[in-house]
Amino acid sequence: MGLKNIVYKVDGGVADIMLNRPEKMNSLDENLIFEITDMFTDFNTREEVKCIILSGAGGNFCSGLYLDYLQKISEFDIMQNKDDSQKFKNMLLSIYNCSKPVIAKVSGYALAGGCGITTCCDFIIADDTAKFGYTEVKIGFIPAIVMMFLLKRVTETAAKDLLLTARILGSDEAFKMGLINMVVPAYALDNSVNELVASLMKNSLNSIKLTKEMFRAVSGMSFENALAYACDMNAITRMTEDCKAGIAKFLNKN
């Protein structure tokens, strides 16, 4: 892929992706945004990839937009800003829409756009060094795009707390708020993520894919339309090979 700021490996069906600009706290620029989008777009269709772990190098996840990049976009005209915003949105969607389960493994800072990236993942496991924050309003910016994903994880009350105060919170508070799934000591982070991966890999990956598809689809439907869609998905899933094999295995055990 010709990657400059990401290192990755695929082993046993698990893609381990690491943002690799530790000297810049893995901050985002045009190139890294493109690389993340390209990587998730690619892994979404690669059959050998069953699960994805996303982390950051050097003790931090991602500190948001790089300072030089902020300076650059401050000089954009309206059309350049729209195009740049579209690229950022596409990056977040490539993570959120990925058909494979995505786990954010977070140490250190996950701020602004970096916090937005974690929010798009299916699971967020953080150690006790992790710090989360949507700091955009401190510099006269707004967390417009990441807000849409944040509201899928937490209540509006919690989202207003995070987005309007721009405060930085530790992993324990982030867990209590419902922003993240799990807090573990730093020494246990790798094992905790690996245990979750092992649990996910025991399940039907086709069923996980279809369930993720339903999460995306039903949010824009009325309750009645969502139920009708769910009935259709239920019927379709019953005819898959995974479902037939799973039922046969279950019945043979009883």
C-alpha atoms as a PDB file:
ATOM      1  CA  MET A   1       0.000   0.000   0.000  1.00  0.00           C
ATOM      2  CA  GLY A   2       3.034   2.322   0.214  1.00  0.00           C
ATOM      3  CA  LEU A   3       2.172   3.411   3.739  1.00  0.00           C
ATOM      4  CA  LYS A   4       4.260   6.097   5.458  1.00  0.00           C
ATOM      5  CA  ASN A   5       2.535   6.566   8.793  1.00  0.00           C
ATOM      6  CA  ILE A   6       0.895   3.206   9.483  1.00  0.00           C
ATOM      7  CA  VAL A   7       2.406  -0.158  10.301  1.00  0.00           C
ATOM      8  CA  TYR A   8       0.288  -3.280  10.199  1.00  0.00           C
ATOM      9  CA  LYS A   9       0.303  -7.050  10.147  1.00  0.00           C
ATOM     10  CA  VAL A  10      -2.306  -9.706   9.425  1.00  0.00           C
ATOM     11  CA  ASP A  11      -1.956 -12.890  11.439  1.00  0.00           C
ATOM     12  CA  GLY A  12      -4.521 -15.604  12.057  1.00  0.00           C
ATOM     13  CA  GLY A  13      -7.312 -13.548  10.557  1.00  0.00           C
ATOM     14  CA  VAL A  14      -6.559 -10.516  12.758  1.00  0.00           C
ATOM     15  CA  ALA A  15      -5.366  -7.245  11.207  1.00  0.00           C
ATOM     16  CA  ASP A  16      -3.329  -5.216  13.685  1.00  0.00           C
ATOM     17  CA  ILE A  17      -3.100  -1.579  12.519  1.00  0.00           C
ATOM     18  CA  MET A  18      -0.914   0.954  14.317  1.00  0.00           C
ATOM     19  CA  LEU A  19      -0.822   4.698  13.637  1.00  0.00           C
ATOM     20  CA  ASN A  20       2.897   5.351  13.509  1.00  0.00           C
ATOM     21  CA  ARG A  21       3.797   9.023  14.012  1.00  0.00           C
ATOM     22  CA  PRO A  22       4.844   8.771  17.670  1.00  0.00           C
ATOM     23  CA  GLU A  23       6.971  11.916  17.558  1.00  0.00           C
ATOM     24  CA  LYS A  24       3.788  13.815  16.618  1.00  0.00           C
ATOM     25  CA  MET A  25       1.476  11.860  18.949  1.00  0.00           C
ATOM     26  CA  ASN A  26       0.069  10.113  15.863  1.00  0.00           C
ATOM     27  CA  SER A  27      -1.676  13.334  14.843  1.00  0.00           C
ATOM     28  CA  LEU A  28      -3.675  13.437  11.628  1.00  0.00           C
ATOM     29  CA  ASP A  29      -2.681  15.070   8.375  1.00  0.00           C
ATOM     30  CA  GLU A  30      -3.907  14.612   4.810  1.00  0.00           C
ATOM     31  CA  ASN A  31      -1.635  11.648   4.217  1.00  0.00           C
ATOM     32  CA  LEU A  32      -2.579   9.742   7.378  1.00  0.00           C
ATOM     33  CA  ILE A  33      -6.302  10.384   6.783  1.00  0.00           C
ATOM     34  CA  PHE A  34      -5.889   8.931   3.292  1.00  0.00           C
ATOM     35  CA  GLU A  35      -3.909   5.928   4.565  1.00  0.00           C
ATOM     36  CA  ILE A  36      -6.484   5.057   7.248  1.00  0.00           C
ATOM     37  CA  THR A  37      -9.319   5.322   4.712  1.00  0.00           C
ATOM     38  CA  ASP A  38      -7.457   3.222   2.168  1.00  0.00           C
ATOM     39  CA  MET A  39      -6.535   0.549   4.696  1.00  0.00           C
ATOM     40  CA  PHE A  40     -10.036   0.083   6.075  1.00  0.00           C
ATOM     41  CA  THR A  41     -11.520   0.106   2.584  1.00  0.00           C
ATOM     42  CA  ASP A  42      -9.093  -2.650   1.609  1.00  0.00           C
ATOM     43  CA  PHE A  43      -9.540  -4.783   4.744  1.00  0.00           C
ATOM     44  CA  ASN A  44     -13.317  -4.519   4.449  1.00  0.00           C
ATOM     45  CA  THR A  45     -13.215  -6.826   1.413  1.00  0.00           C
ATOM     46  CA  ARG A  46     -10.226  -9.043   2.233  1.00  0.00           C
ATOM     47  CA  GLU A  47     -11.580 -12.460   3.182  1.00  0.00           C
ATOM     48  CA  GLU A  48      -8.562 -13.413   5.266  1.00  0.00           C
ATOM     49  CA  VAL A  49      -9.208 -10.479   7.617  1.00  0.00           C
ATOM     50  CA  LYS A  50     -11.798 -11.414  10.248  1.00  0.00           C
ATOM     51  CA  CYS A  51     -11.178  -8.785  12.926  1.00  0.00           C
ATOM     52  CA  ILE A  52      -9.281  -5.466  13.137  1.00  0.00           C
ATOM     53  CA  ILE A  53      -7.362  -3.879  16.025  1.00  0.00           C
ATOM     54  CA  LEU A  54      -6.485  -0.176  15.772  1.00  0.00           C
ATOM     55  CA  SER A  55      -3.885   1.409  18.057  1.00  0.00           C
ATOM     56  CA  GLY A  56      -1.255   4.153  18.200  1.00  0.00           C
ATOM     57  CA  ALA A  57       2.524   3.997  18.575  1.00  0.00           C
ATOM     58  CA  GLY A  58       4.608   5.582  21.313  1.00  0.00           C
ATOM     59  CA  GLY A  59       2.120   5.555  24.168  1.00  0.00           C
ATOM     60  CA  ASN A  60      -0.627   7.660  22.545  1.00  0.00           C
ATOM     61  CA  PHE A  61      -3.554   6.776  20.303  1.00  0.00           C
ATOM     62  CA  CYS A  62      -4.053   9.996  18.293  1.00  0.00           C
ATOM     63  CA  SER A  63      -3.947  13.636  19.393  1.00  0.00           C
ATOM     64  CA  GLY A  64      -6.173  14.990  16.605  1.00  0.00           C
ATOM     65  CA  LEU A  65      -5.098  17.199  13.716  1.00  0.00           C
ATOM     66  CA  TYR A  66      -1.406  17.965  13.336  1.00  0.00           C
ATOM     67  CA  LEU A  67      -0.499  21.622  13.995  1.00  0.00           C
ATOM     68  CA  ASP A  68       0.915  22.188  10.499  1.00  0.00           C
ATOM     69  CA  TYR A  69      -2.257  20.719   9.041  1.00  0.00           C
ATOM     70  CA  LEU A  70      -4.392  23.040  11.188  1.00  0.00           C
ATOM     71  CA  GLN A  71      -2.409  25.991   9.865  1.00  0.00           C
ATOM     72  CA  LYS A  72      -2.934  24.784   6.312  1.00  0.00           C
ATOM     73  CA  ILE A  73      -6.705  24.348   6.581  1.00  0.00           C
ATOM     74  CA  SER A  74      -7.056  27.741   8.259  1.00  0.00           C
ATOM     75  CA  GLU A  75      -6.091  29.214   4.879  1.00  0.00           C
ATOM     76  CA  PHE A  76      -8.505  27.103   2.780  1.00  0.00           C
ATOM     77  CA  ASP A  77     -11.412  28.646   0.898  1.00  0.00           C
ATOM     78  CA  ILE A  78     -14.940  27.244   1.300  1.00  0.00           C
ATOM     79  CA  MET A  79     -14.625  24.656  -1.475  1.00  0.00           C
ATOM     80  CA  GLN A  80     -11.272  23.419  -0.196  1.00  0.00           C
ATOM     81  CA  ASN A  81     -12.725  23.128   3.300  1.00  0.00           C
ATOM     82  CA  LYS A  82     -15.731  21.183   2.004  1.00  0.00           C
ATOM     83  CA  ASP A  83     -13.458  18.787   0.148  1.00  0.00           C
ATOM     84  CA  ASP A  84     -11.223  18.336   3.174  1.00  0.00           C
ATOM     85  CA  SER A  85     -14.230  17.751   5.455  1.00  0.00           C
ATOM     86  CA  GLN A  86     -15.505  15.141   3.024  1.00  0.00           C
ATOM     87  CA  LYS A  87     -12.198  13.267   3.235  1.00  0.00           C
ATOM     88  CA  PHE A  88     -12.333  13.283   7.035  1.00  0.00           C
ATOM     89  CA  LYS A  89     -15.930  12.030   6.943  1.00  0.00           C
ATOM     90  CA  ASN A  90     -14.952   9.273   4.501  1.00  0.00           C
ATOM     91  CA  MET A  91     -12.193   8.146   6.860  1.00  0.00           C
ATOM     92  CA  LEU A  92     -14.602   7.862   9.795  1.00  0.00           C
ATOM     93  CA  LEU A  93     -17.177   6.060   7.653  1.00  0.00           C
ATOM     94  CA  SER A  94     -14.568   3.578   6.408  1.00  0.00           C
ATOM     95  CA  ILE A  95     -14.089   2.548  10.036  1.00  0.00           C
ATOM     96  CA  TYR A  96     -17.730   2.686  11.105  1.00  0.00           C
ATOM     97  CA  ASN A  97     -19.019   0.874   7.984  1.00  0.00           C
ATOM     98  CA  CYS A  98     -16.342  -1.819   8.040  1.00  0.00           C
ATOM     99  CA  SER A  99     -18.010  -5.237   7.890  1.00  0.00           C
ATOM    100  CA  LYS A 100     -15.406  -6.679  10.278  1.00  0.00           C
ATOM    101  CA  PRO A 101     -15.464  -5.985  14.042  1.00  0.00           C
ATOM    102  CA  VAL A 102     -13.075  -3.127  14.857  1.00  0.00           C
ATOM    103  CA  ILE A 103     -11.434  -2.712  18.263  1.00  0.00           C
ATOM    104  CA  ALA A 104      -9.732   0.520  19.347  1.00  0.00           C
ATOM    105  CA  LYS A 105      -6.849  -0.279  21.716  1.00  0.00           C
ATOM    106  CA  VAL A 106      -6.202   3.010  23.485  1.00  0.00           C
ATOM    107  CA  SER A 107      -3.298   4.240  25.569  1.00  0.00           C
ATOM    108  CA  GLY A 108      -2.486   7.884  26.233  1.00  0.00           C
ATOM    109  CA  TYR A 109      -4.242  10.673  24.401  1.00  0.00           C
ATOM    110  CA  ALA A 110      -7.230  10.209  22.096  1.00  0.00           C
ATOM    111  CA  LEU A 111      -8.251  13.791  21.393  1.00  0.00           C
ATOM    112  CA  ALA A 112     -10.478  15.662  18.910  1.00  0.00           C
ATOM    113  CA  GLY A 113     -10.334  13.760  15.605  1.00  0.00           C
ATOM    114  CA  GLY A 114      -8.415  10.998  17.366  1.00  0.00           C
ATOM    115  CA  CYS A 115     -11.248  10.609  19.840  1.00  0.00           C
ATOM    116  CA  GLY A 116     -13.620  10.637  16.888  1.00  0.00           C
ATOM    117  CA  ILE A 117     -11.748   7.696  15.376  1.00  0.00           C
ATOM    118  CA  THR A 118     -12.188   5.624  18.533  1.00  0.00           C
ATOM    119  CA  THR A 119     -15.884   6.508  18.585  1.00  0.00           C
ATOM    120  CA  CYS A 120     -16.325   4.919  15.146  1.00  0.00           C
ATOM    121  CA  CYS A 121     -14.913   1.590  16.308  1.00  0.00           C
ATOM    122  CA  ASP A 122     -17.187  -1.193  17.544  1.00  0.00           C
ATOM    123  CA  PHE A 123     -15.271  -1.638  20.786  1.00  0.00           C
ATOM    124  CA  ILE A 124     -12.990   0.698  22.732  1.00  0.00           C
ATOM    125  CA  ILE A 125     -10.672  -0.927  25.266  1.00  0.00           C
ATOM    126  CA  ALA A 126      -8.496   1.574  27.118  1.00  0.00           C
ATOM    127  CA  ASP A 127      -5.808   1.307  29.736  1.00  0.00           C
ATOM    128  CA  ASP A 128      -5.539   3.487  32.818  1.00  0.00           C
ATOM    129  CA  THR A 129      -3.273   5.994  31.039  1.00  0.00           C
ATOM    130  CA  ALA A 130      -5.898   6.845  28.402  1.00  0.00           C
ATOM    131  CA  LYS A 131      -7.293  10.372  28.104  1.00  0.00           C
ATOM    132  CA  PHE A 132     -10.300  11.207  25.935  1.00  0.00           C
ATOM    133  CA  GLY A 133     -11.556  14.595  24.803  1.00  0.00           C
ATOM    134  CA  TYR A 134     -13.325  16.497  22.043  1.00  0.00           C
ATOM    135  CA  THR A 135     -11.324  19.707  22.276  1.00  0.00           C
ATOM    136  CA  GLU A 136     -12.486  21.441  19.077  1.00  0.00           C
ATOM    137  CA  VAL A 137     -14.406  24.353  20.645  1.00  0.00           C
ATOM    138  CA  LYS A 138     -11.245  25.471  22.483  1.00  0.00           C
ATOM    139  CA  ILE A 139      -9.831  26.722  19.177  1.00  0.00           C
ATOM    140  CA  GLY A 140     -13.036  28.071  17.665  1.00  0.00           C
ATOM    141  CA  PHE A 141     -13.708  24.891  15.686  1.00  0.00           C
ATOM    142  CA  ILE A 142     -16.738  22.621  16.116  1.00  0.00           C
ATOM    143  CA  PRO A 143     -16.873  18.806  16.446  1.00  0.00           C
ATOM    144  CA  ALA A 144     -19.457  18.658  13.668  1.00  0.00           C
ATOM    145  CA  ILE A 145     -18.653  15.338  11.980  1.00  0.00           C
ATOM    146  CA  VAL A 146     -17.535  13.396  15.050  1.00  0.00           C
ATOM    147  CA  MET A 147     -20.717  14.478  16.873  1.00  0.00           C
ATOM    148  CA  MET A 148     -22.796  12.277  14.579  1.00  0.00           C
ATOM    149  CA  PHE A 149     -20.840   9.211  15.651  1.00  0.00           C
ATOM    150  CA  LEU A 150     -20.605  10.196  19.309  1.00  0.00           C
ATOM    151  CA  LEU A 151     -24.407  10.398  19.562  1.00  0.00           C
ATOM    152  CA  LYS A 152     -24.508   6.733  18.558  1.00  0.00           C
ATOM    153  CA  ARG A 153     -22.459   5.825  21.643  1.00  0.00           C
ATOM    154  CA  VAL A 154     -23.643   8.095  24.458  1.00  0.00           C
ATOM    155  CA  THR A 155     -26.694  10.076  25.522  1.00  0.00           C
ATOM    156  CA  GLU A 156     -27.240  13.654  24.372  1.00  0.00           C
ATOM    157  CA  THR A 157     -26.571  14.754  27.955  1.00  0.00           C
ATOM    158  CA  ALA A 158     -23.160  13.090  27.937  1.00  0.00           C
ATOM    159  CA  ALA A 159     -22.402  14.344  24.423  1.00  0.00           C
ATOM    160  CA  LYS A 160     -23.132  17.949  25.425  1.00  0.00           C
ATOM    161  CA  ASP A 161     -20.867  17.546  28.441  1.00  0.00           C
ATOM    162  CA  LEU A 162     -18.017  16.336  26.246  1.00  0.00           C
ATOM    163  CA  LEU A 163     -18.486  18.617  23.247  1.00  0.00           C
ATOM    164  CA  LEU A 164     -19.371  21.918  24.927  1.00  0.00           C
ATOM    165  CA  THR A 165     -16.863  21.819  27.784  1.00  0.00           C
ATOM    166  CA  ALA A 166     -14.053  20.329  25.647  1.00  0.00           C
ATOM    167  CA  ARG A 167     -12.734  18.789  28.849  1.00  0.00           C
ATOM    168  CA  ILE A 168     -10.388  15.834  28.907  1.00  0.00           C
ATOM    169  CA  LEU A 169     -11.473  12.834  30.924  1.00  0.00           C
ATOM    170  CA  GLY A 170      -9.725   9.699  32.100  1.00  0.00           C
ATOM    171  CA  SER A 171     -10.635   6.175  31.111  1.00  0.00           C
ATOM    172  CA  ASP A 172     -12.585   5.445  34.303  1.00  0.00           C
ATOM    173  CA  GLU A 173     -14.947   8.372  33.712  1.00  0.00           C
ATOM    174  CA  ALA A 174     -15.172   7.545  30.009  1.00  0.00           C
ATOM    175  CA  PHE A 175     -16.282   4.046  30.970  1.00  0.00           C
ATOM    176  CA  LYS A 176     -18.911   5.287  33.412  1.00  0.00           C
ATOM    177  CA  MET A 177     -20.233   7.624  30.715  1.00  0.00           C
ATOM    178  CA  GLY A 178     -20.584   4.755  28.268  1.00  0.00           C
ATOM    179  CA  LEU A 179     -18.029   6.160  25.857  1.00  0.00           C
ATOM    180  CA  ILE A 180     -15.737   3.123  26.091  1.00  0.00           C
ATOM    181  CA  ASN A 181     -16.303  -0.584  26.711  1.00  0.00           C
ATOM    182  CA  MET A 182     -13.570  -1.512  29.136  1.00  0.00           C
ATOM    183  CA  VAL A 183     -10.775  -0.100  31.322  1.00  0.00           C
ATOM    184  CA  VAL A 184      -7.790  -2.256  32.240  1.00  0.00           C
ATOM    185  CA  PRO A 185      -4.344  -1.663  33.731  1.00  0.00           C
ATOM    186  CA  ALA A 186      -1.710  -0.821  31.133  1.00  0.00           C
ATOM    187  CA  TYR A 187       0.045  -4.171  31.615  1.00  0.00           C
ATOM    188  CA  ALA A 188      -3.215  -6.032  30.819  1.00  0.00           C
ATOM    189  CA  LEU A 189      -4.228  -4.095  27.686  1.00  0.00           C
ATOM    190  CA  ASP A 190      -2.829  -6.500  25.105  1.00  0.00           C
ATOM    191  CA  ASN A 191      -4.270  -9.570  26.830  1.00  0.00           C
ATOM    192  CA  SER A 192      -7.691  -7.960  27.245  1.00  0.00           C
ATOM    193  CA  VAL A 193      -7.847  -7.050  23.561  1.00  0.00           C
ATOM    194  CA  ASN A 194      -6.681 -10.528  22.559  1.00  0.00           C
ATOM    195  CA  GLU A 195      -9.372 -12.112  24.748  1.00  0.00           C
ATOM    196  CA  LEU A 196     -12.044 -10.020  23.038  1.00  0.00           C
ATOM    197  CA  VAL A 197     -10.666 -10.959  19.624  1.00  0.00           C
ATOM    198  CA  ALA A 198     -10.744 -14.653  20.561  1.00  0.00           C
ATOM    199  CA  SER A 199     -14.347 -14.296  21.707  1.00  0.00           C
ATOM    200  CA  LEU A 200     -15.380 -12.599  18.481  1.00  0.00           C
ATOM    201  CA  MET A 201     -13.591 -15.158  16.324  1.00  0.00           C
ATOM    202  CA  LYS A 202     -15.694 -17.958  17.867  1.00  0.00           C
ATOM    203  CA  ASN A 203     -18.856 -16.406  16.457  1.00  0.00           C
ATOM    204  CA  SER A 204     -20.189 -16.516  12.913  1.00  0.00           C
ATOM    205  CA  LEU A 205     -18.385 -13.731  11.107  1.00  0.00           C
ATOM    206  CA  ASN A 206     -21.182 -13.607   8.536  1.00  0.00           C
ATOM    207  CA  SER A 207     -23.682 -13.040  11.344  1.00  0.00           C
ATOM    208  CA  ILE A 208     -21.481 -10.298  12.798  1.00  0.00           C
ATOM    209  CA  LYS A 209     -21.355  -8.645   9.378  1.00  0.00           C
ATOM    210  CA  LEU A 210     -25.150  -8.742   8.991  1.00  0.00           C
ATOM    211  CA  THR A 211     -25.709  -7.493  12.542  1.00  0.00           C
ATOM    212  CA  LYS A 212     -23.380  -4.552  11.927  1.00  0.00           C
ATOM    213  CA  GLU A 213     -25.278  -3.854   8.717  1.00  0.00           C
ATOM    214  CA  MET A 214     -28.523  -3.722  10.713  1.00  0.00           C
ATOM    215  CA  PHE A 215     -27.087  -1.197  13.181  1.00  0.00           C
ATOM    216  CA  ARG A 216     -26.305   1.095  10.259  1.00  0.00           C
ATOM    217  CA  ALA A 217     -29.639   0.612   8.537  1.00  0.00           C
ATOM    218  CA  VAL A 218     -32.230   0.829  11.311  1.00  0.00           C
ATOM    219  CA  SER A 219     -31.098   4.172  12.747  1.00  0.00           C
ATOM    220  CA  GLY A 220     -32.776   6.056   9.910  1.00  0.00           C
ATOM    221  CA  MET A 221     -35.985   4.016   9.853  1.00  0.00           C
ATOM    222  CA  SER A 222     -39.307   4.339  11.601  1.00  0.00           C
ATOM    223  CA  PHE A 223     -40.007   1.671  14.220  1.00  0.00           C
ATOM    224  CA  GLU A 224     -42.448  -0.150  11.924  1.00  0.00           C
ATOM    225  CA  ASN A 225     -40.084  -0.057   8.936  1.00  0.00           C
ATOM    226  CA  ALA A 226     -37.210  -1.223  11.120  1.00  0.00           C
ATOM    227  CA  LEU A 227     -39.266  -4.210  12.312  1.00  0.00           C
ATOM    228  CA  ALA A 228     -40.181  -5.102   8.733  1.00  0.00           C
ATOM    229  CA  TYR A 229     -36.519  -4.872   7.749  1.00  0.00           C
ATOM    230  CA  ALA A 230     -35.576  -7.017  10.768  1.00  0.00           C
ATOM    231  CA  CYS A 231     -38.052  -9.709   9.708  1.00  0.00           C
ATOM    232  CA  ASP A 232     -36.499  -9.771   6.236  1.00  0.00           C
ATOM    233  CA  MET A 233     -32.981  -9.988   7.672  1.00  0.00           C
ATOM    234  CA  ASN A 234     -34.086 -12.734  10.040  1.00  0.00           C
ATOM    235  CA  ALA A 235     -35.481 -14.777   7.160  1.00  0.00           C
ATOM    236  CA  ILE A 236     -32.397 -14.219   4.979  1.00  0.00           C
ATOM    237  CA  THR A 237     -29.996 -15.176   7.765  1.00  0.00           C
ATOM    238  CA  ARG A 238     -31.813 -18.457   8.431  1.00  0.00           C
ATOM    239  CA  MET A 239     -30.880 -19.541   4.901  1.00  0.00           C
ATOM    240  CA  THR A 240     -27.143 -18.907   5.220  1.00  0.00           C
ATOM    241  CA  GLU A 241     -24.717 -21.804   5.501  1.00  0.00           C
ATOM    242  CA  ASP A 242     -23.417 -20.444   8.815  1.00  0.00           C
ATOM    243  CA  CYS A 243     -26.893 -20.531  10.336  1.00  0.00           C
ATOM    244  CA  LYS A 244     -27.703 -24.001   9.013  1.00  0.00           C
ATOM    245  CA  ALA A 245     -24.404 -25.380  10.292  1.00  0.00           C
ATOM    246  CA  GLY A 246     -24.818 -23.649  13.647  1.00  0.00           C
ATOM    247  CA  ILE A 247     -28.321 -25.045  14.175  1.00  0.00           C
ATOM    248  CA  ALA A 248     -27.213 -28.562  13.200  1.00  0.00           C
ATOM    249  CA  LYS A 249     -24.286 -28.375  15.619  1.00  0.00           C
ATOM    250  CA  PHE A 250     -26.551 -27.125  18.418  1.00  0.00           C
ATOM    251  CA  LEU A 251     -29.149 -29.853  17.833  1.00  0.00           C
ATOM    252  CA  ASN A 252     -26.513 -32.579  17.743  1.00  0.00           C
ATOM    253  CA  LYS A 253     -25.313 -31.517  21.202  1.00  0.00           C
ATOM    254  CA  ASN A 254     -28.802 -31.991  22.692  1.00  0.00           C
END
